[in-house]
């Protein structure tokens, strides 16, 4: 894996792709379509695999 960070491709609120990094803090993004600021955070992995029953 690389250390590069992935950028969100679309706004989770309105679905638009007009996103810019925000000055609100690390990982914050501004949507210029719906005027929201949001952040995306990776929490972790499940300790076990998901059952596919």
Protein backbone atom coordinates (compact mmCIF):
# COMPACT_ATOMS: atom_id res chain seq x y z
CA UNK A 1 0.00 0.00 0.00
CA UNK A 2 1.13 3.53 -0.63
CA UNK A 3 0.96 6.48 1.74
CA UNK A 4 -1.08 8.51 -0.76
CA UNK A 5 -4.48 9.62 0.48
CA UNK A 6 -7.58 9.12 -1.60
CA UNK A 7 -9.86 12.03 -2.28
CA UNK A 8 -13.64 11.62 -2.25
CA UNK A 9 -15.07 11.50 -5.76
CA UNK A 10 -18.45 13.01 -4.92
CA UNK A 11 -20.31 14.76 -2.11
CA UNK A 12 -22.08 12.29 0.21
CA UNK A 13 -24.97 14.77 0.59
CA UNK A 14 -25.80 15.93 -2.93
CA UNK A 15 -23.70 13.69 -5.19
CA UNK A 16 -21.94 16.52 -7.01
CA UNK A 17 -18.26 16.26 -7.94
CA UNK A 18 -17.28 19.91 -7.36
CA UNK A 19 -15.14 19.28 -4.25
CA UNK A 20 -12.15 21.18 -2.89
CA UNK A 21 -9.97 20.61 0.21
CA UNK A 22 -11.21 22.74 3.11
CA UNK A 23 -9.25 24.88 5.54
CA UNK A 24 -11.39 23.47 8.39
CA UNK A 25 -8.83 20.77 9.12
CA UNK A 26 -7.16 17.59 7.97
CA UNK A 27 -9.46 15.50 5.80
CA UNK A 28 -12.15 18.16 5.45
CA UNK A 29 -13.70 18.80 2.03
CA UNK A 30 -15.94 21.59 0.73
CA UNK A 31 -18.76 20.93 -1.70
CA UNK A 32 -19.29 24.03 -3.80
CA UNK A 33 -22.67 22.77 -5.05
CA UNK A 34 -24.51 22.34 -1.71
CA UNK A 35 -22.12 24.52 0.36
CA UNK A 36 -21.39 21.81 2.96
CA UNK A 37 -18.10 20.94 4.60
CA UNK A 38 -17.57 17.27 5.47
CA UNK A 39 -14.76 14.90 6.38
CA UNK A 40 -14.10 11.28 5.56
CA UNK A 41 -12.38 9.12 8.15
CA UNK A 42 -11.17 5.53 7.89
CA UNK A 43 -12.02 3.84 11.17
CA UNK A 44 -10.44 0.41 10.71
CA UNK A 45 -11.00 -3.16 9.60
CA UNK A 46 -13.34 -5.73 11.04
CA UNK A 47 -11.57 -8.26 13.21
CA UNK A 48 -13.12 -11.07 11.17
CA UNK A 49 -14.39 -11.44 7.64
CA UNK A 50 -18.03 -10.79 6.82
CA UNK A 51 -20.17 -13.93 6.36
CA UNK A 52 -21.49 -14.34 2.84
CA UNK A 53 -24.32 -16.76 3.62
